[in-house]
Protein backbone atom coordinates (compact mmCIF):
# COMPACT_ATOMS: atom_id res chain seq x y z
CA MET A 1 107.38 113.57 118.16
CA THR A 2 105.06 116.17 118.70
CA THR A 3 101.59 116.07 120.97
CA LEU A 4 98.90 118.11 120.51
CA ASP A 5 98.03 121.13 122.15
CA PRO A 6 94.00 122.03 122.75
CA GLY A 7 94.19 125.26 120.68
CA ASP A 8 95.59 123.38 117.11
CA ALA A 9 92.30 121.69 116.33
CA THR A 10 89.54 124.17 115.67
CA PRO A 11 86.62 122.10 117.84
CA PRO A 12 86.70 122.46 121.46
CA ARG A 13 87.87 118.68 122.57
CA PRO A 14 87.60 117.40 126.41
CA HIS A 15 91.37 116.43 126.28
CA PRO A 16 94.40 117.71 124.81
CA GLY A 17 94.92 114.52 122.00
CA PHE A 18 92.69 113.63 118.96
CA PHE A 19 91.06 110.87 118.86
CA LEU A 20 90.24 109.31 115.48
CA VAL A 21 88.11 105.74 114.42
CA PHE A 22 87.43 104.17 111.15
CA GLU A 23 84.50 102.18 111.19
CA GLY A 24 82.38 100.53 108.59
CA PRO A 25 81.29 97.03 107.25
CA ASP A 26 83.82 94.49 106.92
CA GLY A 27 85.87 95.06 103.23
CA GLY A 28 85.84 98.72 103.49
CA GLY A 29 89.69 98.74 104.15
CA LYS A 30 89.45 100.29 107.53
CA SER A 31 92.52 98.33 109.15
CA THR A 32 94.54 99.40 106.06
CA GLN A 33 93.60 102.77 105.95
CA ALA A 34 93.95 103.14 109.50
CA ALA A 35 97.50 101.63 109.57
CA ARG A 36 98.41 104.50 106.35
CA VAL A 37 96.76 107.38 108.36
CA GLY A 38 98.85 106.25 111.54
CA ASP A 39 102.01 106.21 109.14
CA TRP A 40 100.89 109.95 107.70
CA LEU A 41 100.52 111.65 111.26
CA ARG A 42 104.18 110.19 112.49
CA GLU A 43 105.55 111.88 109.39
CA GLU A 44 103.66 115.15 110.18
CA GLY A 45 105.45 114.71 113.41
CA PHE A 46 102.34 113.67 115.78
CA ASP A 47 102.79 111.05 118.46
CA VAL A 48 100.55 108.40 116.95
CA VAL A 49 98.96 105.52 119.26
CA ALA A 50 97.17 102.88 116.86
CA CYS A 51 95.02 100.34 118.62
CA ARG A 52 92.12 98.20 117.66
CA ASP A 53 88.10 97.29 119.45
CA PRO A 54 87.64 94.84 120.50
CA GLY A 55 91.29 94.39 121.59
CA GLY A 56 94.26 95.99 122.46
CA THR A 57 95.14 95.06 125.64
CA PRO A 58 95.80 91.73 127.15
CA LEU A 59 92.56 91.25 128.16
CA GLY A 60 91.23 92.89 125.19
CA GLU A 61 92.57 90.54 123.01
CA ARG A 62 91.44 87.35 125.13
CA LEU A 63 88.20 88.63 124.86
CA ARG A 64 88.43 89.27 121.08
CA SER A 65 89.54 85.64 120.81
CA VAL A 66 86.06 84.68 122.75
CA ILE A 67 83.80 87.20 120.47
CA LEU A 68 85.30 86.27 117.09
CA ALA A 69 86.99 83.35 117.00
CA ASP A 70 85.74 80.79 119.34
CA GLU A 71 83.30 78.34 118.05
CA SER A 72 82.94 76.49 121.08
CA VAL A 73 81.03 79.37 122.72
CA HIS A 74 77.75 81.26 121.66
CA PRO A 75 77.17 84.25 123.57
CA SER A 76 73.69 85.74 122.80
CA MET A 77 73.41 89.09 121.27
CA ARG A 78 73.29 90.92 124.36
CA ALA A 79 76.43 88.84 126.02
CA GLU A 80 78.06 89.55 122.66
CA MET A 81 77.68 92.79 123.19
CA LEU A 82 78.74 93.04 126.85
CA LEU A 83 81.77 91.39 125.78
CA TYR A 84 82.82 93.85 123.25
CA MET A 85 82.21 96.83 126.46
CA ALA A 86 83.87 94.99 128.57
CA SER A 87 87.10 94.86 125.95
CA ARG A 88 86.39 98.70 125.67
CA ALA A 89 86.32 99.64 128.88
CA GLN A 90 89.93 98.11 129.62
CA LEU A 91 90.99 99.89 126.42
CA VAL A 92 89.96 103.27 127.42
CA GLU A 93 91.08 102.94 130.89
CA GLU A 94 94.80 101.49 129.47
CA VAL A 95 95.55 103.13 126.42
CA ILE A 96 93.42 105.63 124.78
CA ARG A 97 92.20 108.09 127.57
CA PRO A 98 95.89 108.29 128.81
CA SER A 99 97.38 108.38 125.64
CA LEU A 100 94.48 111.15 124.86
CA GLN A 101 95.34 113.32 128.23
CA ALA A 102 98.64 113.29 127.39
CA GLY A 103 98.27 114.94 124.20
CA ARG A 104 98.73 112.32 121.59
CA VAL A 105 96.44 111.27 118.13
CA VAL A 106 95.10 107.80 118.92
CA VAL A 107 94.03 105.86 115.95
CA CYS A 108 91.52 102.98 116.90
CA ASP A 109 89.90 100.45 114.23
CA ARG A 110 86.36 100.39 115.36
CA PHE A 111 84.60 101.77 118.32
CA LEU A 112 81.42 102.22 120.31
CA LEU A 113 79.61 102.87 116.87
CA SER A 114 79.78 99.16 115.99
CA ASN A 115 78.14 98.04 118.51
CA LEU A 116 75.21 100.24 117.80
CA VAL A 117 75.03 99.16 114.20
CA TYR A 118 75.91 95.38 114.44
CA GLN A 119 74.07 94.44 117.91
CA GLY A 120 72.05 97.46 117.70
CA VAL A 121 70.69 98.15 114.05
CA ALA A 122 71.18 94.61 112.75
CA GLY A 123 70.87 92.58 116.37
CA GLY A 124 67.76 94.09 117.47
CA LEU A 125 68.77 95.36 121.00
CA PRO A 126 67.34 98.81 121.56
CA LEU A 127 69.96 101.50 120.98
CA ASP A 128 69.31 103.41 123.97
CA GLU A 129 70.65 100.57 125.90
CA ILE A 130 73.72 100.19 124.31
CA ALA A 131 74.30 103.83 124.64
CA ARG A 132 74.01 103.84 128.12
CA VAL A 133 75.90 100.92 128.55
CA GLY A 134 78.60 102.40 126.04
CA GLY A 135 78.61 105.47 128.58
CA VAL A 136 79.52 103.51 131.32
CA ALA A 137 82.06 101.52 129.88
CA THR A 138 83.96 104.59 128.16
CA GLY A 139 83.31 107.05 130.48
CA GLY A 140 81.44 108.81 128.38
CA LEU A 141 84.68 109.31 125.57
CA LEU A 142 83.56 109.69 122.06
CA PRO A 143 85.84 110.24 119.08
CA ASP A 144 86.44 113.30 118.03
CA LEU A 145 86.15 112.26 114.20
CA THR A 146 84.86 108.67 113.14
CA LEU A 147 85.02 107.94 109.22
CA ILE A 148 82.71 105.78 108.35
CA LEU A 149 84.14 103.52 105.06
CA ASP A 150 80.90 102.47 103.02
CA VAL A 151 82.02 99.62 100.46
CA PRO A 152 78.74 98.09 98.18
CA PRO A 153 78.25 94.53 99.65
CA ASP A 154 79.32 92.56 96.31
CA VAL A 155 82.84 94.46 97.03
CA ALA A 156 83.08 93.45 100.10
CA ARG A 157 82.73 90.35 99.55
CA ARG A 158 85.14 90.46 97.06
CA ARG A 159 87.97 91.56 98.90
CA THR A 160 87.28 89.40 102.06
CA GLY A 161 86.57 86.13 100.18
CA PRO A 162 85.31 83.72 102.76
CA ALA A 163 83.90 84.44 106.23
CA ARG A 164 86.60 84.83 108.73
CA ASP A 165 84.99 85.29 112.02
CA ARG A 166 81.76 84.25 114.07
CA ILE A 167 80.40 88.09 112.93
CA GLU A 168 80.84 87.67 109.04
CA LYS A 169 79.35 84.33 108.75
CA ARG A 170 75.83 85.92 109.69
CA PRO A 171 73.39 85.96 106.88
CA ALA A 172 73.17 88.64 104.10
CA GLU A 173 70.22 89.82 105.03
CA TYR A 174 72.11 90.81 108.67
CA GLN A 175 75.17 92.55 106.55
CA LYS A 176 72.64 94.94 104.69
CA GLN A 177 71.35 95.71 108.25
CA VAL A 178 74.79 96.74 109.31
CA ARG A 179 75.55 98.77 105.63
CA SER A 180 72.33 100.10 106.26
CA GLY A 181 73.16 101.36 110.08
CA PHE A 182 76.58 102.99 109.30
CA LEU A 183 75.06 104.85 106.49
CA ALA A 184 71.95 105.92 108.59
CA ALA A 185 74.57 107.21 111.52
CA ALA A 186 76.67 109.06 108.88
CA ARG A 187 74.10 111.05 106.85
CA ARG A 188 72.11 111.47 110.16
CA GLU A 189 69.13 109.78 108.96
CA ALA A 190 66.17 107.94 110.88
CA GLY A 191 67.37 109.65 114.17
CA GLN A 192 70.48 106.84 114.71
CA THR A 193 72.80 109.69 115.79
CA ALA A 194 70.70 110.71 118.75
CA PHE A 195 72.51 107.57 120.11
CA TYR A 196 75.66 108.24 118.70
CA GLY A 197 77.15 111.84 119.09
CA GLY A 198 80.46 112.07 117.50
CA SER A 199 81.16 113.74 114.57
CA THR A 200 81.33 111.43 111.24
CA ALA A 201 82.52 111.69 108.07
CA LEU A 202 81.09 109.11 105.19
CA ILE A 203 84.22 107.69 102.89
CA ASP A 204 83.68 105.65 99.81
CA GLY A 205 85.70 102.64 100.52
CA GLY A 206 84.84 100.99 97.30
CA ASP A 207 87.05 103.16 95.15
CA GLU A 208 91.11 102.92 94.75
CA ALA A 209 93.00 102.69 97.76
CA ASP A 210 94.90 106.48 97.08
CA ALA A 211 91.64 108.09 96.13
CA VAL A 212 90.05 106.62 99.28
CA PHE A 213 93.48 107.95 101.41
CA ALA A 214 93.24 110.97 99.80
CA ARG A 215 89.49 112.14 101.31
CA ILE A 216 90.56 110.57 104.42
CA ARG A 217 93.46 112.82 104.54
CA LYS A 218 91.35 115.81 103.83
CA GLU A 219 88.83 114.99 106.47
CA VAL A 220 92.02 114.45 108.99
CA GLU A 221 93.28 117.96 107.89
CA ASP A 222 90.11 119.75 108.35
CA ALA A 223 89.69 118.32 112.11
CA LEU A 224 93.09 118.80 113.23
CA ALA A 225 93.55 122.31 111.61
CA LEU A 226 96.25 121.12 109.31
CA GLY A 227 96.88 124.08 106.59
CA PRO A 228 100.14 125.36 105.08
CA ARG A 229 102.80 125.43 107.38
CA SER A 230 105.04 129.04 107.43
């Protein structure tokens, strides 16, 4: 397996590895495409670490069950945000940062942008407040590339079926604001990216899976400066 050299990709990065994050509303195919990209990069010879947020560590997985699955607890929007941040802090410390420093490619299912959208844009918490807490939780780490998979609400509902967790059970208007928040971040609209400094690319997740993967692959190839090899 190969690791990245800081000179392998065109934009300068603060670490030898590459940090790729998949974001977007539920039903966009994030988890499926993240796994597919990880497999493709391994075939290309990269040392790939896959993780999910919240989760990815023993502490993170326990917090994930509280946030999403435990119906006996009812965290406020601010408490919910802080639980996500606690899980993320552990994930960055235990998995992501050491992997990046070792020159690996980290592929993560969700990261800080989800908090800005779910608890901020849709949940009403101040975006600057979430960003400040996020900076502390991650030590200022942002993805090198965030792929935002957008999907129309009717397609998302058809794919996901009945709501499976606490977040998916929220009203349709909340889910509409979630999608709007991700689109705003991807399109640099409404000042949303003032609170999210990571590089983003918008992908139509409603298309056929192979077509979606082809677009994702092109974005990743460009970000990693992968071209024809002699």
